[in-house]
Amino acid sequence: MDEATLAKYQPVIGLEVHAQLLTHSKMYSSDENEYGVAPNTNLSVITLGHPGTLPKVNGTAVEFAMKMGLATNCQIRRDNLFARKNYFYPDLPKGYQITQDKTPICYDGHLEVRVGEEVKRIGITRIHMEEDAGKSMHLVGETETLVDLNRAGVPLIEIVSEPDIRTGDEAYAYLTEIKKLVEYLGICDGNMEEGSLRCDANISVMLKGAKQFGMKVEVKNMNSFRNVQRAIAYEIERQITILEAGGEVDSETRGFDAASGTTNGQRSKETLNDYRYFPEPDLPPLVISDEWLHRVAAELPALPQQLYARFTGELGLSDYDASVLIDQKEVALFFDELARLSPNAKAAANWVMGPVKSYLNERALTMQDFPLDAAQLAGVIELIDAGKLNYSVASKQLFPYLLDHPTANATGAAESLGLLTQADNGELATLVQQVMDANPAKVAEYRAGKKSLTGMFMGELMKLTGGKADPKLANQLLRAALEG
């Protein structure tokens, strides 16, 4: 589609994110909440809704919902009611879902996200608690649909944004921030492939300057943030094409086909009446006291934007460095501890983003698997800053040694390996003269103006010292001799 046609319209996007909570048991029963076990094993008569059974609210799930609300600047509702949402799918054993309708536990929040150089505030309409449905299985070559009910009853929070998102890039940034928050809070693992974090997008377009939103279409079945971007881009063009041809966009639910990058119609959009919400008769109101709320608020960890502010403000890191470091919770926390032990924050950042992440990536490990603690790495940085070790030797020799001997002390290891720099001025000056005596033609070229030869002289000097010379001192002595 040409840019002029696209420019006539304003996309309007709202996202609904479902996050499975990392509780030990399900939302309204004591059944195990565990992924990957044999089908239909984590079940009881309560999850199945048998007559005479009564649900009970999972207190940990409530606290997790409160934490997410506080992290997204929401108001926390003190008097909570539960509701039944009725629909009939083969993977919903009770024929209804216990959720929250008119009294979401969190409401009127917002999230600030970075999109390029800009910061955009996206409103959070509500966060409510509910239970998950089971999972329909379509095996290759089979005509029947199988149902695994292990997931039925697993605690969920649904995070519903305001229709403040205007582009696929903004949606990607918002989802990335949501994923980081649930991981930092420790309430969800954020794994979209396993379905523990799922996103539906509500998309419409309207002429720029119009007062009324266009007809909304909901897109489902997106298992990555990149696919959310792709689905939004496709759906915007599809709707504009319909409107440009004089047609009307149907309110419907559509699925996303990742292979073709297109959406396809599934069913007409349900209205609230179709769900026949009514108060859940088997659960009493849930009251959140001041004491409970204050305790949960006090347990909140440092969150991504708080760490970003500390890294850029207090530590003076660049926007890029801080953004890379906060991208993964364990990396951010390791760096934060390292920066508290080492006054050289930039060097600490370079080590974490360089040798540390390279080590992890090459072995497909996570930060939890890193064998060294922050104090050991701080010791390496201290040796370099004191001029007792140069970075090249530290990264290529001392660092690999420490990885293989994770209980070793950085200073003791450097001494035992003979890696500490030669800081004797007289000895270095003698070696500088040796390098110059061996390369008289190059010395003449340097003195004739070819200053780029400094690197060659430094390389020769480092060979003579086995790489153990203090680079700063060696460079000073070399330049003084060459200029003399």
Protein backbone atom coordinates (compact mmCIF):
# COMPACT_ATOMS: atom_id res chain seq x y z
CA MET A 1 0.00 0.00 0.00
CA ASP A 2 1.33 3.45 -0.90
CA GLU A 3 2.41 5.86 1.84
CA ALA A 4 -0.15 8.51 0.88
CA THR A 5 -3.07 6.15 1.51
CA LEU A 6 -1.62 4.90 4.78
CA ALA A 7 -1.06 8.50 5.92
CA LYS A 8 -4.80 9.27 5.62
CA TYR A 9 -5.66 6.89 8.45
CA GLN A 10 -4.96 6.65 12.17
CA PRO A 11 -4.58 3.12 13.56
CA VAL A 12 -5.96 2.56 17.07
CA ILE A 13 -4.65 -0.47 18.97
CA GLY A 14 -5.35 -1.94 22.38
CA LEU A 15 -3.69 -5.08 23.75
CA GLU A 16 -4.97 -7.78 26.08
CA VAL A 17 -2.16 -9.75 27.69
CA HIS A 18 -2.79 -12.96 29.62
CA ALA A 19 -0.03 -13.97 32.04
CA GLN A 20 -0.03 -17.38 33.73
CA LEU A 21 1.03 -16.98 37.34
CA LEU A 22 3.87 -18.99 38.88
CA THR A 23 1.89 -20.34 41.81
CA HIS A 24 2.25 -23.89 43.10
CA SER A 25 -1.46 -24.59 42.84
CA LYS A 26 -4.35 -23.51 40.65
CA MET A 27 -6.53 -20.42 41.02
CA TYR A 28 -9.46 -21.99 42.85
CA SER A 29 -8.22 -25.47 43.84
CA SER A 30 -5.18 -27.22 45.29
CA ASP A 31 -4.40 -29.01 42.00
CA GLU A 32 -0.77 -28.70 40.92
CA ASN A 33 0.11 -25.84 38.57
CA GLU A 34 2.83 -27.54 36.56
CA TYR A 35 3.71 -27.40 32.86
CA GLY A 36 4.76 -30.44 30.83
CA VAL A 37 3.28 -33.32 32.85
CA ALA A 38 1.24 -36.14 31.29
CA PRO A 39 -2.12 -34.93 29.90
CA ASN A 40 -5.11 -34.77 32.22
CA THR A 41 -3.21 -35.59 35.43
CA ASN A 42 -3.37 -32.29 37.37
CA LEU A 43 -7.11 -32.51 37.85
CA SER A 44 -9.61 -32.81 40.65
CA VAL A 45 -13.38 -32.65 41.00
CA ILE A 46 -13.05 -28.95 41.92
CA THR A 47 -11.30 -28.05 38.66
CA LEU A 48 -13.88 -30.10 36.77
CA GLY A 49 -16.74 -28.32 38.57
CA HIS A 50 -18.47 -31.45 39.87
CA PRO A 51 -21.65 -30.93 41.88
CA GLY A 52 -21.09 -30.28 45.57
CA THR A 53 -17.55 -28.89 45.14
CA LEU A 54 -16.56 -25.37 46.18
CA PRO A 55 -13.73 -23.20 44.86
CA LYS A 56 -11.33 -21.27 47.11
CA VAL A 57 -9.26 -18.28 46.02
CA ASN A 58 -5.47 -18.73 45.78
CA GLY A 59 -3.98 -16.05 48.07
CA THR A 60 -0.59 -16.03 46.33
CA ALA A 61 -2.28 -15.35 42.98
CA VAL A 62 -4.02 -12.37 44.55
CA GLU A 63 -0.68 -11.00 45.78
CA PHE A 64 0.88 -11.51 42.34
CA ALA A 65 -1.97 -9.52 40.78
CA MET A 66 -1.47 -6.76 43.34
CA LYS A 67 2.25 -6.62 42.56
CA MET A 68 1.58 -6.24 38.84
CA GLY A 69 -0.93 -3.51 39.58
CA LEU A 70 1.53 -1.59 41.75
CA ALA A 71 4.26 -2.01 39.11
CA THR A 72 1.95 -0.50 36.46
CA ASN A 73 0.84 2.45 38.62
CA CYS A 74 -2.68 1.08 39.08
CA GLN A 75 -5.21 1.70 41.81
CA ILE A 76 -5.79 -1.43 43.89
CA ARG A 77 -9.41 -2.31 44.57
CA ARG A 78 -10.09 -3.17 48.21
CA ASP A 79 -13.47 -4.92 47.78
CA ASN A 80 -13.30 -7.57 45.06
CA LEU A 81 -16.08 -9.69 43.63
CA PHE A 82 -15.81 -12.67 41.32
CA ALA A 83 -18.07 -13.49 38.37
CA ARG A 84 -18.93 -16.39 36.11
CA LYS A 85 -18.21 -15.93 32.42
CA ASN A 86 -20.23 -18.52 30.52
CA TYR A 87 -19.13 -20.06 27.23
CA PHE A 88 -19.03 -23.57 25.90
CA TYR A 89 -15.75 -24.82 24.48
CA PRO A 90 -14.56 -28.43 24.74
CA ASP A 91 -11.51 -27.32 26.75
CA LEU A 92 -13.59 -25.52 29.42
CA PRO A 93 -14.73 -28.35 31.68
CA LYS A 94 -17.19 -26.38 33.84
CA GLY A 95 -18.80 -24.56 30.93
CA TYR A 96 -17.87 -21.29 32.62
CA GLN A 97 -14.79 -19.42 33.77
CA ILE A 98 -14.46 -17.78 37.20
CA THR A 99 -13.15 -14.28 36.53
CA GLN A 100 -13.72 -10.66 37.56
CA ASP A 101 -16.20 -8.55 35.65
CA LYS A 102 -17.10 -5.16 37.08
CA THR A 103 -14.55 -5.17 39.92
CA PRO A 104 -11.05 -5.79 38.51
CA ILE A 105 -8.46 -5.90 41.28
CA CYS A 106 -6.30 -3.25 39.52
CA TYR A 107 -7.50 -0.29 37.46
CA ASP A 108 -6.57 3.16 36.10
CA GLY A 109 -2.86 2.52 35.64
CA HIS A 110 -0.24 3.34 33.03
CA LEU A 111 3.08 2.20 31.67
CA GLU A 112 5.82 4.32 30.10
CA VAL A 113 7.68 2.71 27.20
CA ARG A 114 10.57 3.80 25.04
CA VAL A 115 9.95 3.87 21.30
CA GLY A 116 13.11 5.05 19.58
CA GLU A 117 14.10 8.32 21.22
CA GLU A 118 10.64 8.99 22.62
CA VAL A 119 8.89 7.91 25.81
CA LYS A 120 5.19 7.16 25.45
CA ARG A 121 2.64 6.65 28.22
CA ILE A 122 0.15 3.85 27.57
CA GLY A 123 -2.86 3.58 29.86
CA ILE A 124 -3.79 0.36 31.67
CA THR A 125 -7.57 0.04 31.83
CA ARG A 126 -7.64 -2.93 34.18
CA ILE A 127 -5.91 -6.03 35.47
CA HIS A 128 -8.21 -8.79 36.62
CA MET A 129 -7.78 -12.31 37.98
CA GLU A 130 -9.24 -15.39 36.35
CA GLU A 131 -8.60 -19.05 35.57
CA ASP A 132 -7.25 -20.51 32.36
CA ALA A 133 -9.06 -22.99 30.12
CA GLY A 134 -7.65 -26.35 29.04
CA LYS A 135 -5.93 -26.88 25.72
CA SER A 136 -7.29 -28.43 22.52
CA MET A 137 -4.70 -30.61 20.75
CA HIS A 138 -4.65 -31.12 16.99
CA LEU A 139 -2.14 -33.86 16.21
CA VAL A 140 -0.66 -34.27 12.74
CA GLY A 141 -2.61 -36.81 10.70
CA GLU A 142 -5.44 -37.07 13.25
CA THR A 143 -8.97 -35.95 12.43
CA GLU A 144 -10.12 -35.85 16.06
CA THR A 145 -9.42 -33.03 18.49
CA LEU A 146 -7.91 -34.15 21.79
CA VAL A 147 -8.26 -32.13 25.00
CA ASP A 148 -5.68 -31.73 27.78
CA LEU A 149 -7.28 -30.19 30.87
CA ASN A 150 -4.07 -29.78 32.90
CA ARG A 151 -4.10 -26.04 32.15
CA ALA A 152 -7.74 -25.63 33.24
CA GLY A 153 -7.87 -23.60 36.42
CA VAL A 154 -4.30 -22.26 36.18
CA PRO A 155 -4.20 -18.70 37.63
CA LEU A 156 -4.14 -15.87 35.11
CA ILE A 157 -4.06 -12.13 35.19
CA GLU A 158 -5.40 -10.30 32.15
CA ILE A 159 -3.74 -6.91 31.55
CA VAL A 160 -5.93 -4.72 29.35
CA SER A 161 -4.43 -1.56 27.85
CA GLU A 162 -6.24 1.58 26.83
CA PRO A 163 -6.49 2.03 23.02
CA ASP A 164 -3.42 4.31 23.19
CA ILE A 165 -1.14 2.33 20.88
CA ARG A 166 -0.77 3.62 17.33
CA THR A 167 1.91 1.45 15.66
CA GLY A 168 3.34 -2.04 15.69
CA ASP A 169 6.58 -0.65 17.13
CA GLU A 170 4.69 0.82 20.08
CA ALA A 171 2.93 -2.51 20.63
CA TYR A 172 6.29 -4.31 20.58
CA ALA A 173 7.77 -1.87 23.11
CA TYR A 174 4.72 -2.20 25.39
CA LEU A 175 4.78 -6.01 25.31
CA THR A 176 8.52 -6.05 25.95
CA GLU A 177 8.00 -3.90 29.04
CA ILE A 178 5.13 -6.10 30.27
CA LYS A 179 7.30 -9.20 29.85
CA LYS A 180 10.17 -7.59 31.76
CA LEU A 181 7.84 -6.58 34.58
CA VAL A 182 6.34 -10.04 35.13
CA GLU A 183 9.82 -11.55 35.07
CA TYR A 184 11.30 -8.98 37.47
CA LEU A 185 8.35 -9.47 39.82
CA GLY A 186 8.79 -13.25 39.60
CA ILE A 187 5.09 -13.81 38.89
CA CYS A 188 5.31 -15.30 35.36
CA ASP A 189 8.12 -16.80 33.29
CA GLY A 190 7.05 -14.85 30.19
CA ASN A 191 7.38 -17.87 27.89
CA MET A 192 5.16 -17.20 24.86
CA GLU A 193 6.03 -20.52 23.18
CA GLU A 194 4.63 -22.45 26.15
CA GLY A 195 1.65 -20.11 26.33
CA SER A 196 2.42 -18.65 29.75
CA LEU A 197 2.29 -15.16 28.19
CA ARG A 198 -0.33 -14.63 25.47
CA CYS A 199 -1.47 -11.54 23.62
CA ASP A 200 -4.62 -10.56 21.73
CA ALA A 201 -4.68 -7.32 19.76
CA ASN A 202 -7.75 -5.14 19.17
CA ILE A 203 -7.15 -3.14 16.00
CA SER A 204 -9.17 -0.50 14.18
CA VAL A 205 -8.44 2.39 11.80
CA MET A 206 -10.11 5.77 11.35
CA LEU A 207 -9.52 8.78 9.18
CA LYS A 208 -7.12 11.21 10.80
CA GLY A 209 -9.05 13.91 12.59
CA ALA A 210 -12.15 11.73 13.02
CA LYS A 211 -13.83 11.77 16.42
CA GLN A 212 -15.06 8.18 16.43
CA PHE A 213 -12.97 5.02 16.42
CA GLY A 214 -13.41 2.57 13.56
CA MET A 215 -14.84 -0.95 13.87
CA LYS A 216 -12.62 -3.08 16.11
CA VAL A 217 -11.19 -6.45 15.06
CA GLU A 218 -9.57 -8.81 17.57
CA VAL A 219 -6.55 -10.83 16.39
CA LYS A 220 -5.51 -13.98 18.28
CA ASN A 221 -2.98 -16.82 17.97
CA MET A 222 0.22 -14.77 18.11
CA ASN A 223 3.10 -16.58 19.80
CA SER A 224 5.80 -13.91 19.62
CA PHE A 225 6.12 -10.15 19.91
CA ARG A 226 7.38 -10.00 16.33
CA ASN A 227 4.24 -11.76 15.15
CA VAL A 228 2.13 -9.21 17.02
CA GLN A 229 3.93 -6.52 15.01
CA ARG A 230 3.34 -8.40 11.77
CA ALA A 231 -0.32 -9.04 12.50
CA ILE A 232 -0.92 -5.37 13.33
CA ALA A 233 0.79 -4.22 10.12
CA TYR A 234 -1.23 -6.65 8.01
CA GLU A 235 -4.53 -5.86 9.69
CA ILE A 236 -4.06 -2.09 9.32
CA GLU A 237 -3.54 -2.45 5.57
CA ARG A 238 -6.43 -4.94 5.24
CA GLN A 239 -8.87 -2.62 6.96
CA ILE A 240 -7.71 0.45 5.02
CA THR A 241 -8.11 -1.48 1.76
CA ILE A 242 -11.72 -2.32 2.67
CA LEU A 243 -12.54 1.27 3.61
CA GLU A 244 -10.88 2.70 0.50
CA ALA A 245 -13.06 0.41 -1.61
CA GLY A 246 -16.17 1.75 0.10
CA GLY A 247 -16.76 -1.33 2.26
CA GLU A 248 -17.24 -1.81 5.99
CA VAL A 249 -14.96 -3.63 8.41
CA ASP A 250 -16.72 -6.49 10.21
CA SER A 251 -16.38 -6.81 13.97
CA GLU A 252 -14.87 -10.27 14.28
CA THR A 253 -12.20 -12.43 15.82
CA ARG A 254 -9.39 -13.31 13.45
CA GLY A 255 -6.44 -15.64 13.73
CA PHE A 256 -2.88 -14.90 12.63
CA ASP A 257 -1.07 -17.26 10.26
CA ALA A 258 2.65 -16.81 10.92
CA ALA A 259 3.65 -18.68 7.74
CA SER A 260 1.80 -16.32 5.41
CA GLY A 261 1.83 -13.23 7.64
CA THR A 262 -1.94 -12.83 7.18
CA THR A 263 -5.01 -12.86 9.39
CA ASN A 264 -8.11 -14.94 8.71
CA GLY A 265 -11.67 -14.75 10.00
CA GLN A 266 -12.66 -17.19 12.76
CA ARG A 267 -15.97 -16.00 14.19
CA SER A 268 -18.06 -12.91 14.70
CA LYS A 269 -17.08 -11.00 17.83
CA GLU A 270 -18.95 -11.96 20.97
CA THR A 271 -20.71 -9.26 22.91
CA LEU A 272 -20.81 -9.06 26.70
CA ASN A 273 -24.37 -10.45 26.64
CA ASP A 274 -23.11 -13.62 24.98
CA TYR A 275 -21.01 -14.38 28.06
CA ARG A 276 -23.99 -13.95 30.47
CA TYR A 277 -21.83 -12.67 33.33
CA PHE A 278 -23.31 -13.02 36.79
CA PRO A 279 -21.82 -12.93 40.33
CA GLU A 280 -19.99 -16.13 41.33
CA PRO A 281 -22.27 -17.61 44.00
CA ASP A 282 -19.64 -19.90 45.54
CA LEU A 283 -17.01 -17.26 46.39
CA PRO A 284 -17.42 -14.54 49.03
CA PRO A 285 -16.13 -10.99 48.41
CA LEU A 286 -12.35 -10.66 48.68
CA VAL A 287 -11.31 -7.75 50.91
CA ILE A 288 -7.76 -6.36 50.68
CA SER A 289 -6.75 -4.67 53.92
CA ASP A 290 -4.31 -1.78 54.28
CA GLU A 291 -1.91 -4.06 56.12
CA TRP A 292 -1.97 -6.66 53.33
CA LEU A 293 -1.47 -4.08 50.59
CA HIS A 294 1.39 -2.35 52.43
CA ARG A 295 3.16 -5.68 53.00
CA VAL A 296 2.91 -6.61 49.31
CA ALA A 297 4.14 -3.14 48.27
CA ALA A 298 7.15 -3.48 50.60
CA GLU A 299 8.09 -6.76 48.91
CA LEU A 300 8.38 -5.24 45.43
CA PRO A 301 11.88 -5.66 43.95
CA ALA A 302 13.76 -3.03 41.96
CA LEU A 303 11.94 -2.74 38.63
CA PRO A 304 13.39 -2.15 35.13
CA GLN A 305 12.71 1.58 34.94
CA GLN A 306 14.06 2.14 38.44
CA LEU A 307 17.29 0.36 37.51
CA TYR A 308 17.42 2.27 34.22
CA ALA A 309 17.18 5.55 36.13
CA ARG A 310 19.96 4.47 38.51
CA PHE A 311 22.24 3.21 35.73
CA THR A 312 21.89 6.37 33.61
CA GLY A 313 21.62 8.91 36.42
CA GLU A 314 23.70 7.76 39.36
CA LEU A 315 26.19 5.65 37.37
CA GLY A 316 26.34 7.79 34.22
CA LEU A 317 25.83 4.99 31.69
CA SER A 318 24.48 5.71 28.21
CA ASP A 319 20.87 5.01 27.27
CA TYR A 320 22.06 2.10 25.13
CA ASP A 321 24.14 0.47 27.86
CA ALA A 322 21.39 0.82 30.45
CA SER A 323 18.74 -0.57 28.06
CA VAL A 324 20.86 -3.63 27.26
CA LEU A 325 21.62 -4.28 30.93
CA ILE A 326 17.99 -4.13 32.13
CA ASP A 327 16.71 -6.33 29.30
CA GLN A 328 17.13 -9.47 31.43
CA LYS A 329 16.43 -9.46 35.16
CA GLU A 330 19.36 -11.61 36.30
CA VAL A 331 21.84 -9.69 34.14
CA ALA A 332 20.59 -6.39 35.53
CA LEU A 333 20.83 -7.59 39.13
CA PHE A 334 24.33 -9.00 38.60
CA PHE A 335 25.51 -5.72 37.09
CA ASP A 336 23.84 -3.74 39.87
CA GLU A 337 25.76 -5.73 42.47
CA LEU A 338 28.98 -5.43 40.46
CA ALA A 339 28.58 -1.66 40.16
CA ARG A 340 28.15 -1.39 43.94
CA LEU A 341 31.48 -3.21 44.39
CA SER A 342 33.41 -1.40 41.65
CA PRO A 343 33.64 2.40 41.27
CA ASN A 344 34.23 2.01 37.52
CA ALA A 345 30.63 1.53 36.32
CA LYS A 346 31.51 1.80 32.62
CA ALA A 347 34.14 -0.92 32.90
CA ALA A 348 31.66 -3.08 34.82
CA ALA A 349 29.07 -2.58 32.07
CA ASN A 350 31.60 -3.44 29.36
CA TRP A 351 32.55 -6.66 31.15
CA VAL A 352 28.95 -7.76 31.61
CA MET A 353 27.89 -6.88 28.04
CA GLY A 354 31.15 -8.26 26.57
CA PRO A 355 33.02 -11.26 28.04
CA VAL A 356 30.27 -12.31 30.45
CA LYS A 357 27.44 -12.37 27.90
CA SER A 358 29.72 -13.94 25.27
CA TYR A 359 30.52 -16.76 27.67
CA LEU A 360 26.83 -17.34 28.37
CA ASN A 361 25.71 -17.09 24.73
CA GLU A 362 28.39 -19.47 23.45
CA ARG A 363 27.21 -22.12 25.91
CA ALA A 364 23.47 -21.35 25.78
CA LEU A 365 23.50 -20.58 29.51
CA THR A 366 21.61 -18.07 31.60
CA MET A 367 23.01 -15.62 34.15
CA GLN A 368 22.05 -18.02 36.94
CA ASP A 369 24.58 -20.47 35.47
CA PHE A 370 27.48 -17.98 35.51
CA PRO A 371 30.17 -19.48 37.76
CA LEU A 372 31.71 -16.24 39.09
CA ASP A 373 30.22 -13.89 41.63
CA ALA A 374 30.26 -10.11 41.33
CA ALA A 375 33.09 -9.75 43.86
CA GLN A 376 35.47 -11.84 41.71
CA LEU A 377 34.78 -9.76 38.61
CA ALA A 378 35.12 -6.57 40.65
CA GLY A 379 38.58 -7.83 41.63
CA VAL A 380 39.57 -8.16 37.96
CA ILE A 381 38.38 -4.60 37.22
CA GLU A 382 40.29 -3.31 40.25
CA LEU A 383 43.53 -4.87 38.97
CA ILE A 384 43.06 -3.22 35.57
CA ASP A 385 42.21 0.19 37.05
CA ALA A 386 45.27 -0.01 39.31
CA GLY A 387 47.51 -0.58 36.29
CA LYS A 388 48.49 -4.04 37.54
CA LEU A 389 46.85 -5.88 34.65
CA ASN A 390 45.89 -4.88 31.13
CA TYR A 391 42.47 -5.64 29.69
CA SER A 392 43.74 -7.94 26.94
CA VAL A 393 45.52 -10.24 29.38
CA ALA A 394 42.63 -10.04 31.83
CA SER A 395 40.01 -11.05 29.26
CA LYS A 396 42.06 -13.65 27.41
CA GLN A 397 43.94 -15.32 30.26
CA LEU A 398 42.75 -14.40 33.75
CA PHE A 399 39.00 -14.47 33.00
CA PRO A 400 39.07 -17.99 31.42
CA TYR A 401 41.18 -19.23 34.34
CA LEU A 402 38.71 -17.89 36.89
CA LEU A 403 35.80 -19.47 34.99
CA ASP A 404 37.53 -22.84 35.39
CA HIS A 405 38.48 -22.09 39.02
CA PRO A 406 35.44 -20.19 40.35
CA THR A 407 36.66 -20.17 43.95
CA ALA A 408 39.96 -18.46 43.07
CA ASN A 409 40.74 -14.87 44.02
CA ALA A 410 41.47 -12.53 41.08
CA THR A 411 44.66 -11.05 42.55
CA GLY A 412 46.00 -14.40 43.75
CA ALA A 413 45.26 -16.02 40.39
CA ALA A 414 46.95 -13.21 38.45
CA GLU A 415 50.04 -13.50 40.64
CA SER A 416 50.25 -17.29 40.37
CA LEU A 417 49.88 -17.12 36.59
CA GLY A 418 52.52 -14.40 36.30
CA LEU A 419 50.10 -12.01 34.59
CA LEU A 420 50.70 -8.85 36.60
CA THR A 421 52.11 -5.99 34.55
CA GLN A 422 55.75 -4.94 34.44
CA ALA A 423 55.55 -1.48 35.92
CA ASP A 424 59.28 -0.81 36.25
CA ASN A 425 60.04 2.32 34.22
CA GLY A 426 63.67 1.44 33.68
CA GLU A 427 62.96 -2.05 32.37
CA LEU A 428 60.21 -0.80 30.08
CA ALA A 429 62.41 2.02 28.80
CA THR A 430 65.09 -0.54 27.89
CA LEU A 431 62.55 -2.62 25.97
CA VAL A 432 61.26 0.49 24.17
CA GLN A 433 64.78 1.17 23.00
CA GLN A 434 65.12 -2.43 21.80
CA VAL A 435 62.01 -2.04 19.67
CA MET A 436 63.29 1.20 18.15
CA ASP A 437 66.75 -0.26 17.50
CA ALA A 438 65.16 -3.19 15.67
CA ASN A 439 63.06 -0.90 13.44
CA PRO A 440 65.18 2.13 12.46
CA ALA A 441 63.35 2.68 9.15
CA LYS A 442 59.97 2.77 10.90
CA VAL A 443 61.34 5.20 13.48
CA ALA A 444 62.40 7.50 10.67
CA GLU A 445 58.93 7.25 9.05
CA TYR A 446 57.28 8.04 12.38
CA ARG A 447 59.47 11.09 12.91
CA ALA A 448 58.71 12.18 9.35
CA GLY A 449 55.03 12.38 10.29
CA LYS A 450 53.59 8.86 10.02
CA LYS A 451 52.09 8.78 13.53
CA SER A 452 49.91 5.75 12.68
CA LEU A 453 52.97 3.57 13.30
CA THR A 454 52.43 3.95 17.05
CA GLY A 455 50.26 0.82 17.02
CA MET A 456 52.98 -1.21 15.35
CA PHE A 457 55.56 -0.13 17.95
CA MET A 458 53.12 -0.92 20.80
CA GLY A 459 52.49 -4.36 19.32
CA GLU A 460 56.22 -5.12 19.18
CA LEU A 461 56.67 -3.85 22.74
CA MET A 462 53.83 -6.04 24.01
CA LYS A 463 55.42 -9.07 22.35
CA LEU A 464 58.65 -8.45 24.27
CA THR A 465 56.77 -8.13 27.57
CA GLY A 466 54.47 -11.07 26.92
CA GLY A 467 51.54 -8.67 26.99
CA LYS A 468 52.18 -7.81 30.63
CA ALA A 469 53.27 -4.21 30.27
CA ASP A 470 51.01 -1.49 31.62
CA PRO A 471 49.59 -0.13 28.33
CA LYS A 472 49.27 3.43 29.63
CA LEU A 473 52.85 3.57 30.93
CA ALA A 474 54.21 1.75 27.88
CA ASN A 475 52.46 4.20 25.54
CA GLN A 476 53.85 7.19 27.43
CA LEU A 477 57.42 5.87 27.35
CA LEU A 478 57.15 4.87 23.69
CA ARG A 479 55.85 8.26 22.55
CA ALA A 480 58.50 10.08 24.59
CA ALA A 481 61.27 8.01 23.00
CA LEU A 482 59.92 8.34 19.46
CA GLU A 483 59.50 12.08 19.79
CA GLY A 484 62.97 12.47 21.27
